Amino acid sequence: MAWFKKENKPTETPPNEERRVKTEGLWVKCENCRAIIWKKDLEANWEVCPKCEHHFRLDAKRRLELLLDDGKWTEFDAELASTDPLKFIDTKPYSKRLREAQDKLGINDAIISAEGRLNGRPVNCCSMEFAFAGGSMGAVVGEKVTRAAERSAERKMPLIIVSCSGGARMQEGVVSLMQLAKVSAALARLDEARVPYISILTDPTTGGVTASFAMLGDLNIAEPGALIGFAGPRVIEQTIRQKLPEGFQRAEFLLSHGFLDAIVHRKDLKRYVSRSLDFFFG
């Protein structure tokens, strides 16, 4: 006679969503070497793959933390926001796209303009945010860059711009295209004032940004593997009806053809820019 009897209670099988280990967002696959990387390790390494040193994109605020002492800065023109001059609508109103990006990212447009110190030297630094409308340049981006250049000229303070952009913002039409001339004129005045401007091109830097301020630096620096160009490779191939060379529009290709002054690893970027400014100021 059994003293104890095991009751066979039916067990409830949890739904698939509960059984699955929730690892979403904890691991990242490198798009270059396909290695699986612990996200915290990637963040600690400034978003550079520890296996192959592929450079992931950094957001605008992390860029400023990378370059400016103690990650501290004073922001300018943060209140500037687009008024949707064309009342543009595609699959949704442009005004709604702007509000969604502003709510999600906590900034009013695709660039942060700030003043801080780089190894003790006061600098103006603009950092573009690709997650905001593809880092595209509309009236606000153009105005912020122009004001930064004017402040630098007035205060004899070097200007650094980190570009990460899909080009001009189509939803603002000709208003966006006018920014190319506007920012180029402001940088010309900065040059006349003999104040150095360093342009840092990251992945990607394309379209109207490449055609204006991104390539106008006294020193043009790129990160390894960055896509840099005006029109996309597919458009160019269809236009000229020729196969483009290997690595076309990548930073290494541009450096070998004289379009860049240097390619600098992210961990060395602050030191390189600091030494460059020491050279400019003699």
Protein backbone atom coordinates (compact mmCIF):
# COMPACT_ATOMS: atom_id res chain seq x y z
CA MET A 1 0.00 0.00 0.00
CA ALA A 2 1.42 3.36 -1.04
CA TRP A 3 1.61 5.93 1.69
CA PHE A 4 2.06 8.78 -0.77
CA LYS A 5 0.31 9.29 -4.01
CA LYS A 6 1.52 11.70 -6.66
CA GLU A 7 -1.25 13.65 -8.22
CA ASN A 8 -0.86 14.20 -11.94
CA LYS A 9 -1.97 17.77 -12.18
CA PRO A 10 -2.20 19.16 -15.66
CA THR A 11 0.51 21.72 -16.24
CA GLU A 12 -0.23 24.89 -18.11
CA THR A 13 2.11 25.59 -20.96
CA PRO A 14 3.04 29.24 -21.03
CA PRO A 15 2.61 31.01 -24.34
CA ASN A 16 5.60 31.16 -26.67
CA GLU A 17 6.24 34.81 -25.82
CA GLU A 18 6.73 33.92 -22.13
CA ARG A 19 8.82 30.79 -22.73
CA ARG A 20 11.25 32.56 -25.00
CA VAL A 21 14.23 34.11 -23.24
CA LYS A 22 13.89 37.81 -23.62
CA THR A 23 17.21 38.85 -25.10
CA GLU A 24 15.95 41.42 -27.55
CA GLY A 25 18.21 44.46 -27.48
CA LEU A 26 20.91 42.78 -25.38
CA TRP A 27 22.96 41.52 -28.30
CA VAL A 28 23.99 43.12 -31.58
CA LYS A 29 25.16 41.43 -34.75
CA CYS A 30 28.04 43.18 -36.51
CA GLU A 31 27.00 43.90 -40.06
CA ASN A 32 30.59 43.51 -41.23
CA CYS A 33 31.97 40.34 -39.57
CA ARG A 34 28.60 38.95 -38.34
CA ALA A 35 29.95 38.55 -34.80
CA ILE A 36 27.41 38.62 -31.96
CA ILE A 37 28.37 41.36 -29.51
CA TRP A 38 27.08 42.05 -26.01
CA LYS A 39 25.47 45.49 -26.35
CA LYS A 40 27.08 46.91 -23.20
CA ASP A 41 30.52 45.92 -24.49
CA LEU A 42 29.75 47.71 -27.76
CA GLU A 43 28.63 50.85 -25.94
CA ALA A 44 31.73 50.81 -23.75
CA ASN A 45 33.85 50.62 -26.93
CA TRP A 46 32.13 53.69 -28.44
CA GLU A 47 30.08 51.51 -30.80
CA VAL A 48 33.12 49.96 -32.50
CA CYS A 49 33.08 46.19 -33.07
CA PRO A 50 35.79 44.58 -30.87
CA LYS A 51 36.27 41.81 -33.46
CA CYS A 52 36.73 43.67 -36.76
CA GLU A 53 36.63 47.34 -35.65
CA HIS A 54 33.61 48.11 -37.79
CA HIS A 55 32.28 51.55 -36.80
CA PHE A 56 28.58 51.56 -35.94
CA ARG A 57 26.71 54.86 -36.01
CA LEU A 58 26.79 57.09 -32.94
CA ASP A 59 23.93 59.38 -32.08
CA ALA A 60 24.49 63.13 -31.89
CA LYS A 61 24.78 63.35 -28.10
CA ARG A 62 27.25 60.46 -27.89
CA ARG A 63 29.37 62.23 -30.50
CA LEU A 64 29.55 65.30 -28.31
CA GLU A 65 30.43 63.12 -25.31
CA LEU A 66 33.23 61.57 -27.35
CA LEU A 67 34.77 64.87 -28.41
CA LEU A 68 34.11 67.31 -25.57
CA ASP A 69 35.81 67.25 -22.17
CA ASP A 70 33.84 65.44 -19.45
CA GLY A 71 30.94 65.07 -21.88
CA LYS A 72 29.80 68.62 -21.00
CA TRP A 73 28.59 71.32 -23.34
CA THR A 74 26.33 74.35 -23.64
CA GLU A 75 23.71 73.97 -26.35
CA PHE A 76 22.68 76.79 -28.69
CA ASP A 77 19.53 77.31 -30.76
CA ALA A 78 17.79 74.24 -29.31
CA GLU A 79 14.42 75.96 -29.68
CA LEU A 80 14.62 76.22 -33.48
CA ALA A 81 12.07 73.97 -35.21
CA SER A 82 10.69 73.69 -38.74
CA THR A 83 7.39 75.42 -39.54
CA ASP A 84 6.64 72.99 -42.41
CA PRO A 85 6.75 75.80 -45.03
CA LEU A 86 5.30 73.67 -47.86
CA LYS A 87 2.64 71.90 -45.77
CA PHE A 88 4.08 68.74 -47.31
CA ILE A 89 2.16 65.46 -47.22
CA ASP A 90 3.24 62.05 -48.54
CA THR A 91 2.05 58.95 -46.68
CA LYS A 92 1.62 61.22 -43.67
CA PRO A 93 1.95 64.99 -43.06
CA TYR A 94 5.49 66.29 -42.65
CA SER A 95 4.40 68.12 -39.51
CA LYS A 96 3.41 64.79 -37.98
CA ARG A 97 6.76 63.21 -38.92
CA LEU A 98 8.52 66.09 -37.20
CA ARG A 99 6.48 65.76 -34.00
CA GLU A 100 7.10 62.01 -33.85
CA ALA A 101 10.87 62.46 -34.26
CA GLN A 102 10.95 65.28 -31.72
CA ASP A 103 9.03 63.24 -29.14
CA LYS A 104 11.17 60.15 -29.69
CA LEU A 105 14.61 61.81 -29.69
CA GLY A 106 14.07 64.85 -27.47
CA ILE A 107 15.53 67.30 -29.99
CA ASN A 108 13.79 69.69 -32.39
CA ASP A 109 15.77 68.84 -35.52
CA ALA A 110 18.60 66.78 -36.98
CA ILE A 111 21.55 68.64 -35.46
CA ILE A 112 22.82 69.73 -32.05
CA SER A 113 24.88 72.91 -31.93
CA ALA A 114 27.03 73.22 -28.82
CA GLU A 115 30.00 74.92 -27.23
CA GLY A 116 32.44 73.05 -25.04
CA ARG A 117 36.10 72.29 -24.54
CA LEU A 118 38.25 69.82 -26.41
CA ASN A 119 41.35 69.00 -24.35
CA GLY A 120 40.91 72.37 -22.66
CA ARG A 121 40.44 74.40 -25.85
CA PRO A 122 37.06 76.16 -26.33
CA VAL A 123 35.33 74.97 -29.53
CA ASN A 124 31.99 75.17 -31.27
CA CYS A 125 30.78 71.71 -32.27
CA CYS A 126 27.77 70.70 -34.36
CA SER A 127 26.72 67.05 -34.34
CA MET A 128 24.14 65.59 -36.74
CA GLU A 129 21.51 63.05 -35.71
CA PHE A 130 20.76 60.45 -38.42
CA ALA A 131 17.75 59.08 -36.54
CA PHE A 132 15.97 62.41 -37.10
CA ALA A 133 14.65 62.28 -40.67
CA GLY A 134 17.81 60.56 -41.89
CA GLY A 135 19.95 63.45 -40.67
CA SER A 136 18.59 65.49 -43.57
CA MET A 137 19.31 69.20 -43.91
CA GLY A 138 16.34 71.52 -43.87
CA ALA A 139 16.02 75.17 -42.91
CA VAL A 140 16.74 74.49 -39.22
CA VAL A 141 19.94 72.51 -39.83
CA GLY A 142 21.16 75.18 -42.25
CA GLU A 143 20.37 77.96 -39.80
CA LYS A 144 22.10 76.21 -36.88
CA VAL A 145 25.26 75.56 -38.91
CA THR A 146 25.26 79.16 -40.15
CA ARG A 147 24.88 80.56 -36.63
CA ALA A 148 27.64 78.28 -35.36
CA ALA A 149 29.99 79.50 -38.08
CA GLU A 150 29.12 83.12 -37.27
CA ARG A 151 29.74 82.57 -33.54
CA SER A 152 33.07 80.95 -34.31
CA ALA A 153 34.10 83.86 -36.53
CA GLU A 154 33.07 86.42 -33.90
CA ARG A 155 34.77 84.66 -30.99
CA LYS A 156 37.77 83.33 -32.93
CA MET A 157 36.76 79.87 -31.77
CA PRO A 158 37.39 76.79 -33.98
CA LEU A 159 34.38 75.06 -35.49
CA ILE A 160 33.94 71.28 -35.67
CA ILE A 161 31.01 69.70 -37.54
CA VAL A 162 30.27 65.97 -37.41
CA SER A 163 28.23 65.04 -40.47
CA CYS A 164 25.91 62.04 -40.62
CA SER A 165 23.26 62.73 -43.22
CA GLY A 166 21.13 61.53 -46.08
CA GLY A 167 21.36 64.96 -47.71
CA ALA A 168 18.85 67.75 -48.28
CA ARG A 169 15.34 67.35 -46.85
CA MET A 170 12.89 66.79 -49.69
CA GLN A 171 9.87 67.82 -47.58
CA GLU A 172 11.18 71.40 -47.55
CA GLY A 173 11.93 71.58 -51.27
CA VAL A 174 13.83 74.63 -52.46
CA VAL A 175 14.00 75.98 -48.89
CA SER A 176 16.27 73.05 -48.12
CA LEU A 177 18.37 73.50 -51.24
CA MET A 178 18.95 77.16 -50.39
CA GLN A 179 20.81 76.03 -47.27
CA LEU A 180 23.71 74.76 -49.40
CA ALA A 181 24.57 78.29 -50.51
CA LYS A 182 23.77 79.78 -47.11
CA VAL A 183 26.09 77.57 -45.06
CA SER A 184 28.82 77.73 -47.72
CA ALA A 185 28.77 81.54 -47.57
CA ALA A 186 28.97 81.45 -43.76
CA LEU A 187 31.97 79.12 -43.90
CA ALA A 188 33.64 81.39 -46.45
CA ARG A 189 33.34 84.25 -43.97
CA LEU A 190 34.79 81.98 -41.28
CA ASP A 191 37.74 81.31 -43.57
CA GLU A 192 38.23 85.05 -44.12
CA ALA A 193 38.33 85.46 -40.34
CA ARG A 194 41.20 82.91 -40.28
CA VAL A 195 39.36 80.59 -37.89
CA PRO A 196 39.85 76.85 -38.50
CA TYR A 197 36.97 74.57 -39.41
CA ILE A 198 37.36 70.79 -39.08
CA SER A 199 34.84 68.57 -40.84
CA ILE A 200 34.32 65.01 -39.60
CA LEU A 201 32.49 62.77 -42.07
CA THR A 202 30.83 59.66 -40.70
CA ASP A 203 28.66 56.92 -42.14
CA PRO A 204 26.74 58.05 -44.12
CA THR A 205 27.49 61.55 -45.41
CA THR A 206 25.64 62.09 -48.67
CA GLY A 207 23.62 64.46 -50.86
CA GLY A 208 23.45 68.18 -50.17
CA VAL A 209 25.47 67.92 -46.96
CA THR A 210 28.39 66.45 -48.90
CA ALA A 211 27.86 69.11 -51.57
CA SER A 212 28.14 71.90 -48.99
CA PHE A 213 29.66 72.09 -45.52
CA ALA A 214 30.87 68.48 -45.14
CA MET A 215 33.59 68.87 -47.79
CA LEU A 216 34.54 72.48 -47.05
CA GLY A 217 36.68 71.93 -43.98
CA ASP A 218 40.23 73.19 -43.61
CA LEU A 219 40.70 69.56 -42.60
CA ASN A 220 38.34 66.84 -43.81
CA ILE A 221 38.48 63.70 -41.65
CA ALA A 222 36.48 60.49 -42.08
CA GLU A 223 35.88 57.42 -39.96
CA PRO A 224 36.93 54.04 -41.39
CA GLY A 225 34.49 52.59 -43.91
CA ALA A 226 32.20 55.63 -43.96
CA LEU A 227 29.93 56.00 -47.01
CA ILE A 228 30.58 59.45 -48.48
CA GLY A 229 29.16 60.76 -51.73
CA PHE A 230 26.54 62.86 -53.47
CA ALA A 231 24.27 60.52 -55.43
CA GLY A 232 23.98 56.84 -54.53
CA PRO A 233 26.08 54.21 -56.34
CA ARG A 234 23.05 52.66 -58.04
CA VAL A 235 21.97 56.02 -59.49
CA ILE A 236 25.49 56.69 -60.76
CA GLU A 237 25.76 53.27 -62.39
CA GLN A 238 22.43 53.76 -64.14
CA THR A 239 23.51 57.21 -65.33
CA ILE A 240 26.97 56.39 -66.68
CA ARG A 241 26.06 52.77 -67.60
CA GLN A 242 29.29 51.46 -66.12
CA LYS A 243 30.18 49.25 -63.19
CA LEU A 244 31.70 51.25 -60.36
CA PRO A 245 35.07 50.22 -58.87
CA GLU A 246 35.28 48.20 -55.67
CA GLY A 247 34.88 50.31 -52.55
CA PHE A 248 33.57 53.30 -54.48
CA GLN A 249 32.34 56.12 -52.17
CA ARG A 250 33.89 54.54 -49.10
CA ALA A 251 36.29 56.64 -47.02
CA GLU A 252 39.34 54.61 -48.06
CA PHE A 253 38.55 55.10 -51.77
CA LEU A 254 38.09 58.86 -51.30
CA LEU A 255 41.34 59.17 -49.35
CA SER A 256 43.29 57.42 -52.11
CA HIS A 257 41.79 59.83 -54.67
CA GLY A 258 42.54 63.00 -52.71
CA PHE A 259 39.06 63.87 -51.46
CA LEU A 260 39.96 63.44 -47.77
CA ASP A 261 42.88 64.46 -45.61
CA ALA A 262 42.76 61.54 -43.18
CA ILE A 263 40.86 58.52 -41.94
CA VAL A 264 40.90 58.31 -38.16
CA HIS A 265 39.73 55.51 -35.86
CA ARG A 266 37.06 56.65 -33.43
CA LYS A 267 39.22 56.00 -30.36
CA ASP A 268 41.88 58.32 -31.78
CA LEU A 269 39.53 61.02 -33.07
CA LYS A 270 39.61 63.43 -30.14
CA ARG A 271 43.40 63.28 -29.89
CA TYR A 272 43.78 63.79 -33.65
CA VAL A 273 41.46 66.81 -33.71
CA SER A 274 43.23 68.31 -30.70
CA ARG A 275 46.65 67.96 -32.35
CA SER A 276 45.25 69.48 -35.54
CA LEU A 277 43.96 72.51 -33.65
CA ASP A 278 47.38 72.90 -31.99
CA PHE A 279 48.85 73.00 -35.48
CA PHE A 280 46.33 75.57 -36.75
CA PHE A 281 46.91 77.91 -33.83
CA GLY A 282 50.66 77.40 -33.96
